[in-house]
């Protein structure tokens, strides 16, 4: 990506976590490019090949307002970090145009704390990933250096900004808070048990965690001996056991699609 903002799509999305999608959908804006180079990316035409259109600050603001008119519960910025200056430039235009929705920051979790601090008081809802427990695996599969250190520092900063409480409105739609996502990978490559244990011990057992099972082979891993297969039911069941063992009390498992008490559901 260069200095010109690129947007791959903007529309209502109904398949986020329940308090993000609500009943009318989340107003997702998918930015082209990504801070990672995941070999298994299921959205690689956007994240790796850069599909999208160039937009300026006023057009980006217009997209936000268009999604609000369509009934979105929030404005969901998907992989926005490398275009953070463009987002910050667009927001005054959008606010003057009547934007009043919560702002969601949907990120891989590979962030600099200095950059996250620029968003303190601007972002309402955070959707960061905690992808890996091992730096060598993170580098081999996603091209990241020092992922664990960077990710943990980012999660601590996000927690500092919004705390552990997920604040909901009367319709159970999120207004402010943090949801940490973790994608379970075949062969235990994500280090799921270690990731979940760290989240519970460092951020607390009451944070909301979304434990995702939708991995399937894509992009550069179709013939990989481990990542070339879908996640097995046994592997996801083991991840659910790890979630319970970590003592995490709130969130979502895709085995149940229920919001309350994912470890027990």
C-alpha atoms as a PDB file:
ATOM      1  CA  UNK A   1       0.000   0.000   0.000  1.00  0.00           C
ATOM      2  CA  UNK A   2       1.077   3.562  -0.629  1.00  0.00           C
ATOM      3  CA  UNK A   3      -0.167   6.906   0.703  1.00  0.00           C
ATOM      4  CA  UNK A   4      -3.485   6.628  -1.146  1.00  0.00           C
ATOM      5  CA  UNK A   5      -6.303   5.046   0.834  1.00  0.00           C
ATOM      6  CA  UNK A   6      -7.843   1.982  -0.806  1.00  0.00           C
ATOM      7  CA  UNK A   7     -11.211   0.492   0.103  1.00  0.00           C
ATOM      8  CA  UNK A   8     -12.206  -3.007  -0.997  1.00  0.00           C
ATOM      9  CA  UNK A   9     -15.860  -2.885   0.092  1.00  0.00           C
ATOM     10  CA  UNK A  10     -18.324  -1.195   2.395  1.00  0.00           C
ATOM     11  CA  UNK A  11     -21.624  -2.756   3.348  1.00  0.00           C
ATOM     12  CA  UNK A  12     -23.763  -4.163   6.143  1.00  0.00           C
ATOM     13  CA  UNK A  13     -22.278  -7.317   7.620  1.00  0.00           C
ATOM     14  CA  UNK A  14     -24.409  -9.737   9.652  1.00  0.00           C
ATOM     15  CA  UNK A  15     -21.794 -12.331  10.633  1.00  0.00           C
ATOM     16  CA  UNK A  16     -19.792 -10.613  13.349  1.00  0.00           C
ATOM     17  CA  UNK A  17     -20.216 -11.411  17.045  1.00  0.00           C
ATOM     18  CA  UNK A  18     -23.865 -10.891  18.120  1.00  0.00           C
ATOM     19  CA  UNK A  19     -23.414  -7.528  19.906  1.00  0.00           C
ATOM     20  CA  UNK A  20     -21.506  -6.166  16.899  1.00  0.00           C
ATOM     21  CA  UNK A  21     -23.899  -7.303  14.156  1.00  0.00           C
ATOM     22  CA  UNK A  22     -27.047  -6.854  16.219  1.00  0.00           C
ATOM     23  CA  UNK A  23     -30.233  -7.139  14.185  1.00  0.00           C
ATOM     24  CA  UNK A  24     -29.391  -4.682  11.390  1.00  0.00           C
ATOM     25  CA  UNK A  25     -25.748  -5.493  10.729  1.00  0.00           C
ATOM     26  CA  UNK A  26     -22.356  -3.929  11.292  1.00  0.00           C
ATOM     27  CA  UNK A  27     -21.284  -1.226   8.859  1.00  0.00           C
ATOM     28  CA  UNK A  28     -18.042  -2.773   7.672  1.00  0.00           C
ATOM     29  CA  UNK A  29     -15.453  -0.863   5.669  1.00  0.00           C
ATOM     30  CA  UNK A  30     -12.785  -3.258   4.377  1.00  0.00           C
ATOM     31  CA  UNK A  31      -9.465  -1.540   3.775  1.00  0.00           C
ATOM     32  CA  UNK A  32      -7.162  -3.013   1.137  1.00  0.00           C
ATOM     33  CA  UNK A  33      -3.899  -4.439   2.386  1.00  0.00           C
ATOM     34  CA  UNK A  34      -2.971  -5.666   5.839  1.00  0.00           C
ATOM     35  CA  UNK A  35      -0.239  -5.464   8.465  1.00  0.00           C
ATOM     36  CA  UNK A  36       0.290  -9.205   8.026  1.00  0.00           C
ATOM     37  CA  UNK A  37       1.116 -11.630   5.242  1.00  0.00           C
ATOM     38  CA  UNK A  38      -0.767 -14.672   6.485  1.00  0.00           C
ATOM     39  CA  UNK A  39      -0.110 -17.631   4.218  1.00  0.00           C
ATOM     40  CA  UNK A  40      -3.603 -18.964   4.943  1.00  0.00           C
ATOM     41  CA  UNK A  41      -5.530 -15.700   4.524  1.00  0.00           C
ATOM     42  CA  UNK A  42      -9.086 -16.407   3.413  1.00  0.00           C
ATOM     43  CA  UNK A  43      -9.467 -12.827   2.192  1.00  0.00           C
ATOM     44  CA  UNK A  44      -6.186 -12.641   0.287  1.00  0.00           C
ATOM     45  CA  UNK A  45      -7.448 -10.757  -2.822  1.00  0.00           C
ATOM     46  CA  UNK A  46      -8.068  -7.796  -0.510  1.00  0.00           C
ATOM     47  CA  UNK A  47      -5.344  -8.249   2.109  1.00  0.00           C
ATOM     48  CA  UNK A  48      -2.478  -9.389  -0.111  1.00  0.00           C
ATOM     49  CA  UNK A  49      -3.355  -8.462  -3.699  1.00  0.00           C
ATOM     50  CA  UNK A  50      -4.692  -5.014  -2.838  1.00  0.00           C
ATOM     51  CA  UNK A  51      -8.036  -5.159  -4.613  1.00  0.00           C
ATOM     52  CA  UNK A  52     -10.012  -1.965  -4.022  1.00  0.00           C
ATOM     53  CA  UNK A  53     -10.654   1.606  -5.074  1.00  0.00           C
ATOM     54  CA  UNK A  54      -8.818   4.794  -4.100  1.00  0.00           C
ATOM     55  CA  UNK A  55     -10.780   7.219  -1.945  1.00  0.00           C
ATOM     56  CA  UNK A  56     -10.117  10.557  -0.290  1.00  0.00           C
ATOM     57  CA  UNK A  57     -11.144  11.690   3.177  1.00  0.00           C
ATOM     58  CA  UNK A  58     -14.523  13.082   2.104  1.00  0.00           C
ATOM     59  CA  UNK A  59     -15.433   9.936   0.159  1.00  0.00           C
ATOM     60  CA  UNK A  60     -14.452   7.767   3.117  1.00  0.00           C
ATOM     61  CA  UNK A  61     -16.637   9.938   5.347  1.00  0.00           C
ATOM     62  CA  UNK A  62     -19.444   9.501   2.833  1.00  0.00           C
ATOM     63  CA  UNK A  63     -19.156   5.730   3.107  1.00  0.00           C
ATOM     64  CA  UNK A  64     -19.565   5.966   6.870  1.00  0.00           C
ATOM     65  CA  UNK A  65     -22.668   8.121   6.500  1.00  0.00           C
ATOM     66  CA  UNK A  66     -24.085   5.828   3.825  1.00  0.00           C
ATOM     67  CA  UNK A  67     -23.766   2.852   6.168  1.00  0.00           C
ATOM     68  CA  UNK A  68     -25.458   4.840   8.924  1.00  0.00           C
ATOM     69  CA  UNK A  69     -28.375   5.604   6.598  1.00  0.00           C
ATOM     70  CA  UNK A  70     -28.665   1.885   5.810  1.00  0.00           C
ATOM     71  CA  UNK A  71     -29.211   1.180   9.514  1.00  0.00           C
ATOM     72  CA  UNK A  72     -25.783  -0.057  10.632  1.00  0.00           C
ATOM     73  CA  UNK A  73     -25.289  -0.387  14.375  1.00  0.00           C
ATOM     74  CA  UNK A  74     -21.691   0.804  14.092  1.00  0.00           C
ATOM     75  CA  UNK A  75     -18.885   1.689  11.691  1.00  0.00           C
ATOM     76  CA  UNK A  76     -16.555  -1.302  11.575  1.00  0.00           C
ATOM     77  CA  UNK A  77     -13.065  -0.481  10.244  1.00  0.00           C
ATOM     78  CA  UNK A  78     -11.502  -3.745   9.049  1.00  0.00           C
ATOM     79  CA  UNK A  79      -7.664  -3.844   8.871  1.00  0.00           C
ATOM     80  CA  UNK A  80      -7.416  -0.032   9.019  1.00  0.00           C
ATOM     81  CA  UNK A  81      -4.036   0.458  10.718  1.00  0.00           C
ATOM     82  CA  UNK A  82      -1.942   1.331   7.665  1.00  0.00           C
ATOM     83  CA  UNK A  83      -4.582   3.916   6.713  1.00  0.00           C
ATOM     84  CA  UNK A  84      -5.052   5.380  10.184  1.00  0.00           C
ATOM     85  CA  UNK A  85      -4.215   8.945   9.015  1.00  0.00           C
ATOM     86  CA  UNK A  86      -6.956   8.714   6.389  1.00  0.00           C
ATOM     87  CA  UNK A  87      -9.489   7.524   8.972  1.00  0.00           C
ATOM     88  CA  UNK A  88      -8.606  10.391  11.306  1.00  0.00           C
ATOM     89  CA  UNK A  89      -8.890  12.854   8.417  1.00  0.00           C
ATOM     90  CA  UNK A  90     -12.291  11.478   7.398  1.00  0.00           C
ATOM     91  CA  UNK A  91     -13.909  11.520  10.828  1.00  0.00           C
ATOM     92  CA  UNK A  92     -14.387  15.326  11.110  1.00  0.00           C
ATOM     93  CA  UNK A  93     -16.184  15.302   7.739  1.00  0.00           C
ATOM     94  CA  UNK A  94     -18.366  12.392   8.871  1.00  0.00           C
ATOM     95  CA  UNK A  95     -19.176  13.980  12.229  1.00  0.00           C
ATOM     96  CA  UNK A  96     -20.143  17.251  10.570  1.00  0.00           C
ATOM     97  CA  UNK A  97     -22.377  15.185   8.292  1.00  0.00           C
ATOM     98  CA  UNK A  98     -24.163  13.656  11.286  1.00  0.00           C
ATOM     99  CA  UNK A  99     -22.226  10.488  12.090  1.00  0.00           C
ATOM    100  CA  UNK A 100     -23.263   9.270  15.540  1.00  0.00           C
ATOM    101  CA  UNK A 101     -22.450   5.549  15.508  1.00  0.00           C
ATOM    102  CA  UNK A 102     -19.838   3.767  17.633  1.00  0.00           C
ATOM    103  CA  UNK A 103     -16.524   3.221  15.866  1.00  0.00           C
ATOM    104  CA  UNK A 104     -15.160  -0.346  15.731  1.00  0.00           C
ATOM    105  CA  UNK A 105     -11.450  -1.046  15.168  1.00  0.00           C
ATOM    106  CA  UNK A 106     -11.063  -4.534  13.701  1.00  0.00           C
ATOM    107  CA  UNK A 107      -7.393  -5.503  13.710  1.00  0.00           C
ATOM    108  CA  UNK A 108      -4.906  -8.375  13.587  1.00  0.00           C
ATOM    109  CA  UNK A 109      -3.547  -7.178  16.920  1.00  0.00           C
ATOM    110  CA  UNK A 110      -0.093  -6.457  15.487  1.00  0.00           C
ATOM    111  CA  UNK A 111       0.038  -2.820  16.528  1.00  0.00           C
ATOM    112  CA  UNK A 112       2.378  -0.239  17.995  1.00  0.00           C
ATOM    113  CA  UNK A 113       1.271   1.124  21.341  1.00  0.00           C
ATOM    114  CA  UNK A 114       2.228   4.633  20.196  1.00  0.00           C
ATOM    115  CA  UNK A 115      -0.256   4.386  17.341  1.00  0.00           C
ATOM    116  CA  UNK A 116      -3.031   2.958  19.509  1.00  0.00           C
ATOM    117  CA  UNK A 117      -2.700   5.883  21.894  1.00  0.00           C
ATOM    118  CA  UNK A 118      -3.660   8.204  19.040  1.00  0.00           C
ATOM    119  CA  UNK A 119      -7.051   6.465  19.015  1.00  0.00           C
ATOM    120  CA  UNK A 120      -7.758   6.829  22.732  1.00  0.00           C
ATOM    121  CA  UNK A 121     -11.188   8.436  23.036  1.00  0.00           C
ATOM    122  CA  UNK A 122     -11.909   7.959  19.319  1.00  0.00           C
ATOM    123  CA  UNK A 123     -12.461   4.199  18.998  1.00  0.00           C
ATOM    124  CA  UNK A 124     -15.408   2.838  20.992  1.00  0.00           C
ATOM    125  CA  UNK A 125     -15.174  -0.884  20.292  1.00  0.00           C
ATOM    126  CA  UNK A 126     -12.050  -2.926  19.748  1.00  0.00           C
ATOM    127  CA  UNK A 127     -11.910  -6.263  17.888  1.00  0.00           C
ATOM    128  CA  UNK A 128      -8.227  -7.294  18.042  1.00  0.00           C
ATOM    129  CA  UNK A 129      -6.910 -10.755  17.289  1.00  0.00           C
ATOM    130  CA  UNK A 130      -4.615 -12.726  19.541  1.00  0.00           C
ATOM    131  CA  UNK A 131      -3.341 -15.066  16.844  1.00  0.00           C
ATOM    132  CA  UNK A 132      -0.246 -16.821  18.141  1.00  0.00           C
ATOM    133  CA  UNK A 133       1.630 -17.874  21.256  1.00  0.00           C
ATOM    134  CA  UNK A 134       4.936 -18.497  19.455  1.00  0.00           C
ATOM    135  CA  UNK A 135       7.033 -15.914  17.594  1.00  0.00           C
ATOM    136  CA  UNK A 136       8.605 -18.441  15.242  1.00  0.00           C
ATOM    137  CA  UNK A 137       5.201 -19.673  14.091  1.00  0.00           C
ATOM    138  CA  UNK A 138       3.931 -16.094  13.738  1.00  0.00           C
ATOM    139  CA  UNK A 139       6.893 -15.216  11.531  1.00  0.00           C
ATOM    140  CA  UNK A 140       6.646 -18.351   9.396  1.00  0.00           C
ATOM    141  CA  UNK A 141       2.895 -18.150   8.825  1.00  0.00           C
ATOM    142  CA  UNK A 142       2.248 -14.387   8.884  1.00  0.00           C
ATOM    143  CA  UNK A 143       5.589 -12.660   8.403  1.00  0.00           C
ATOM    144  CA  UNK A 144       5.461 -10.900  11.761  1.00  0.00           C
ATOM    145  CA  UNK A 145       8.497 -10.184  13.908  1.00  0.00           C
ATOM    146  CA  UNK A 146       8.098 -10.253  17.706  1.00  0.00           C
ATOM    147  CA  UNK A 147       4.365 -10.876  17.331  1.00  0.00           C
ATOM    148  CA  UNK A 148       3.744 -12.120  20.860  1.00  0.00           C
ATOM    149  CA  UNK A 149       5.438  -9.135  22.486  1.00  0.00           C
ATOM    150  CA  UNK A 150       3.769  -6.633  20.142  1.00  0.00           C
ATOM    151  CA  UNK A 151       0.353  -8.255  20.449  1.00  0.00           C
ATOM    152  CA  UNK A 152       0.414  -8.482  24.217  1.00  0.00           C
ATOM    153  CA  UNK A 153       1.520  -4.849  24.545  1.00  0.00           C
ATOM    154  CA  UNK A 154      -1.274  -3.809  22.161  1.00  0.00           C
ATOM    155  CA  UNK A 155      -3.900  -5.752  24.083  1.00  0.00           C
ATOM    156  CA  UNK A 156      -2.773  -4.206  27.350  1.00  0.00           C
ATOM    157  CA  UNK A 157      -3.079  -0.725  25.844  1.00  0.00           C
ATOM    158  CA  UNK A 158      -6.544  -1.438  24.441  1.00  0.00           C
ATOM    159  CA  UNK A 159      -7.591  -2.803  27.826  1.00  0.00           C
ATOM    160  CA  UNK A 160      -6.268   0.369  29.453  1.00  0.00           C
ATOM    161  CA  UNK A 161      -8.469   2.437  27.174  1.00  0.00           C
ATOM    162  CA  UNK A 162     -11.772   0.579  27.521  1.00  0.00           C
ATOM    163  CA  UNK A 163     -11.387  -1.944  30.360  1.00  0.00           C
ATOM    164  CA  UNK A 164     -13.000  -5.369  30.589  1.00  0.00           C
ATOM    165  CA  UNK A 165     -16.644  -4.347  30.512  1.00  0.00           C
ATOM    166  CA  UNK A 166     -18.549  -4.722  27.257  1.00  0.00           C
ATOM    167  CA  UNK A 167     -21.173  -2.008  27.519  1.00  0.00           C
ATOM    168  CA  UNK A 168     -24.444  -2.825  25.730  1.00  0.00           C
ATOM    169  CA  UNK A 169     -27.577  -0.844  24.923  1.00  0.00           C
ATOM    170  CA  UNK A 170     -31.120  -1.989  25.684  1.00  0.00           C
ATOM    171  CA  UNK A 171     -31.093  -4.175  22.556  1.00  0.00           C
ATOM    172  CA  UNK A 172     -27.849  -5.954  23.580  1.00  0.00           C
ATOM    173  CA  UNK A 173     -25.843  -4.117  20.917  1.00  0.00           C
ATOM    174  CA  UNK A 174     -22.330  -3.136  21.982  1.00  0.00           C
ATOM    175  CA  UNK A 175     -21.523   0.526  22.568  1.00  0.00           C
ATOM    176  CA  UNK A 176     -18.032   0.324  24.061  1.00  0.00           C
ATOM    177  CA  UNK A 177     -15.496  -2.281  25.058  1.00  0.00           C
ATOM    178  CA  UNK A 178     -13.200  -5.072  23.926  1.00  0.00           C
ATOM    179  CA  UNK A 179     -13.687  -8.446  22.245  1.00  0.00           C
ATOM    180  CA  UNK A 180     -10.542 -10.507  21.627  1.00  0.00           C
ATOM    181  CA  UNK A 181     -10.692 -12.934  18.717  1.00  0.00           C
ATOM    182  CA  UNK A 182      -8.677 -16.118  18.416  1.00  0.00           C
ATOM    183  CA  UNK A 183      -8.717 -18.361  15.339  1.00  0.00           C
ATOM    184  CA  UNK A 184      -7.957 -21.981  16.187  1.00  0.00           C
ATOM    185  CA  UNK A 185      -5.497 -23.466  13.669  1.00  0.00           C
ATOM    186  CA  UNK A 186      -4.903 -27.118  12.753  1.00  0.00           C
ATOM    187  CA  UNK A 187      -2.057 -28.894  14.468  1.00  0.00           C
ATOM    188  CA  UNK A 188      -2.144 -26.571  17.459  1.00  0.00           C
ATOM    189  CA  UNK A 189      -0.147 -23.966  15.505  1.00  0.00           C
ATOM    190  CA  UNK A 190      -1.915 -21.020  17.120  1.00  0.00           C
ATOM    191  CA  UNK A 191      -0.944 -22.111  20.630  1.00  0.00           C
ATOM    192  CA  UNK A 192      -4.555 -21.730  21.702  1.00  0.00           C
ATOM    193  CA  UNK A 193      -4.196 -22.887  25.303  1.00  0.00           C
ATOM    194  CA  UNK A 194      -1.271 -20.509  25.935  1.00  0.00           C
ATOM    195  CA  UNK A 195      -3.060 -17.572  24.305  1.00  0.00           C
ATOM    196  CA  UNK A 196      -6.220 -18.103  26.339  1.00  0.00           C
ATOM    197  CA  UNK A 197      -4.311 -18.580  29.570  1.00  0.00           C
ATOM    198  CA  UNK A 198      -2.426 -15.307  29.023  1.00  0.00           C
ATOM    199  CA  UNK A 199      -5.666 -13.429  28.300  1.00  0.00           C
ATOM    200  CA  UNK A 200      -7.222 -14.705  31.509  1.00  0.00           C
ATOM    201  CA  UNK A 201      -4.187 -14.089  33.689  1.00  0.00           C
ATOM    202  CA  UNK A 202      -3.173 -10.691  32.274  1.00  0.00           C
ATOM    203  CA  UNK A 203      -6.467  -9.079  31.212  1.00  0.00           C
ATOM    204  CA  UNK A 204      -8.774 -10.964  33.540  1.00  0.00           C
ATOM    205  CA  UNK A 205     -11.297 -13.800  33.249  1.00  0.00           C
ATOM    206  CA  UNK A 206     -14.199 -11.441  32.532  1.00  0.00           C
ATOM    207  CA  UNK A 207     -13.028 -10.126  29.169  1.00  0.00           C
ATOM    208  CA  UNK A 208     -15.014 -11.278  26.154  1.00  0.00           C
ATOM    209  CA  UNK A 209     -13.303 -13.797  23.882  1.00  0.00           C
ATOM    210  CA  UNK A 210     -14.484 -15.042  20.503  1.00  0.00           C
ATOM    211  CA  UNK A 211     -13.075 -18.517  19.834  1.00  0.00           C
ATOM    212  CA  UNK A 212     -13.341 -19.094  16.094  1.00  0.00           C
ATOM    213  CA  UNK A 213     -13.452 -22.430  14.273  1.00  0.00           C
ATOM    214  CA  UNK A 214     -13.892 -21.312  10.660  1.00  0.00           C
ATOM    215  CA  UNK A 215     -10.376 -22.073   9.458  1.00  0.00           C
ATOM    216  CA  UNK A 216     -10.145 -23.640   6.010  1.00  0.00           C
ATOM    217  CA  UNK A 217      -7.172 -23.959   3.617  1.00  0.00           C
ATOM    218  CA  UNK A 218      -6.721 -20.969   1.313  1.00  0.00           C
ATOM    219  CA  UNK A 219      -4.135 -18.933  -0.532  1.00  0.00           C
ATOM    220  CA  UNK A 220      -0.657 -20.476  -0.102  1.00  0.00           C
ATOM    221  CA  UNK A 221      -1.366 -23.449   2.172  1.00  0.00           C
ATOM    222  CA  UNK A 222      -3.552 -25.641  -0.020  1.00  0.00           C
ATOM    223  CA  UNK A 223      -0.875 -28.347  -0.135  1.00  0.00           C
ATOM    224  CA  UNK A 224       0.557 -27.755   3.319  1.00  0.00           C
ATOM    225  CA  UNK A 225       0.768 -31.021   5.322  1.00  0.00           C
ATOM    226  CA  UNK A 226      -0.856 -29.369   8.369  1.00  0.00           C
ATOM    227  CA  UNK A 227      -2.655 -26.246   7.193  1.00  0.00           C
ATOM    228  CA  UNK A 228      -3.906 -27.946   4.038  1.00  0.00           C
ATOM    229  CA  UNK A 229      -6.777 -29.489   6.031  1.00  0.00           C
ATOM    230  CA  UNK A 230      -9.765 -27.984   7.793  1.00  0.00           C
ATOM    231  CA  UNK A 231      -9.880 -27.804  11.557  1.00  0.00           C
ATOM    232  CA  UNK A 232     -11.151 -31.095  12.950  1.00  0.00           C
ATOM    233  CA  UNK A 233     -14.031 -31.264  15.449  1.00  0.00           C
ATOM    234  CA  UNK A 234     -11.623 -32.806  17.964  1.00  0.00           C
ATOM    235  CA  UNK A 235      -9.224 -29.861  17.620  1.00  0.00           C
ATOM    236  CA  UNK A 236     -11.975 -27.353  18.243  1.00  0.00           C
ATOM    237  CA  UNK A 237     -13.280 -29.376  21.180  1.00  0.00           C
ATOM    238  CA  UNK A 238      -9.779 -29.241  22.638  1.00  0.00           C
ATOM    239  CA  UNK A 239      -9.825 -25.449  22.208  1.00  0.00           C
ATOM    240  CA  UNK A 240     -13.130 -25.279  24.074  1.00  0.00           C
ATOM    241  CA  UNK A 241     -11.572 -27.285  26.897  1.00  0.00           C
ATOM    242  CA  UNK A 242      -8.692 -24.799  26.973  1.00  0.00           C
ATOM    243  CA  UNK A 243     -11.173 -21.929  27.146  1.00  0.00           C
ATOM    244  CA  UNK A 244     -12.814 -23.497  30.172  1.00  0.00           C
ATOM    245  CA  UNK A 245      -9.500 -24.324  31.807  1.00  0.00           C
ATOM    246  CA  UNK A 246      -8.375 -20.713  31.418  1.00  0.00           C
ATOM    247  CA  UNK A 247     -11.414 -19.604  33.422  1.00  0.00           C
ATOM    248  CA  UNK A 248     -12.636 -17.151  30.790  1.00  0.00           C
ATOM    249  CA  UNK A 249     -16.224 -16.372  31.646  1.00  0.00           C
ATOM    250  CA  UNK A 250     -17.675 -14.456  28.686  1.00  0.00           C
ATOM    251  CA  UNK A 251     -17.699 -14.681  24.936  1.00  0.00           C
ATOM    252  CA  UNK A 252     -18.642 -16.851  22.019  1.00  0.00           C
ATOM    253  CA  UNK A 253     -17.808 -20.284  20.724  1.00  0.00           C
ATOM    254  CA  UNK A 254     -18.886 -21.205  17.240  1.00  0.00           C
ATOM    255  CA  UNK A 255     -19.866 -24.655  18.399  1.00  0.00           C
ATOM    256  CA  UNK A 256     -22.833 -23.113  20.202  1.00  0.00           C
ATOM    257  CA  UNK A 257     -23.251 -19.638  18.633  1.00  0.00           C
ATOM    258  CA  UNK A 258     -24.345 -18.492  22.072  1.00  0.00           C
ATOM    259  CA  UNK A 259     -23.265 -15.281  23.762  1.00  0.00           C
ATOM    260  CA  UNK A 260     -23.483 -16.265  27.379  1.00  0.00           C
ATOM    261  CA  UNK A 261     -20.710 -18.098  29.159  1.00  0.00           C
ATOM    262  CA  UNK A 262     -18.962 -19.701  26.194  1.00  0.00           C
ATOM    263  CA  UNK A 263     -16.836 -22.066  28.330  1.00  0.00           C
ATOM    264  CA  UNK A 264     -19.978 -23.648  29.778  1.00  0.00           C
ATOM    265  CA  UNK A 265     -21.997 -23.531  26.543  1.00  0.00           C
END
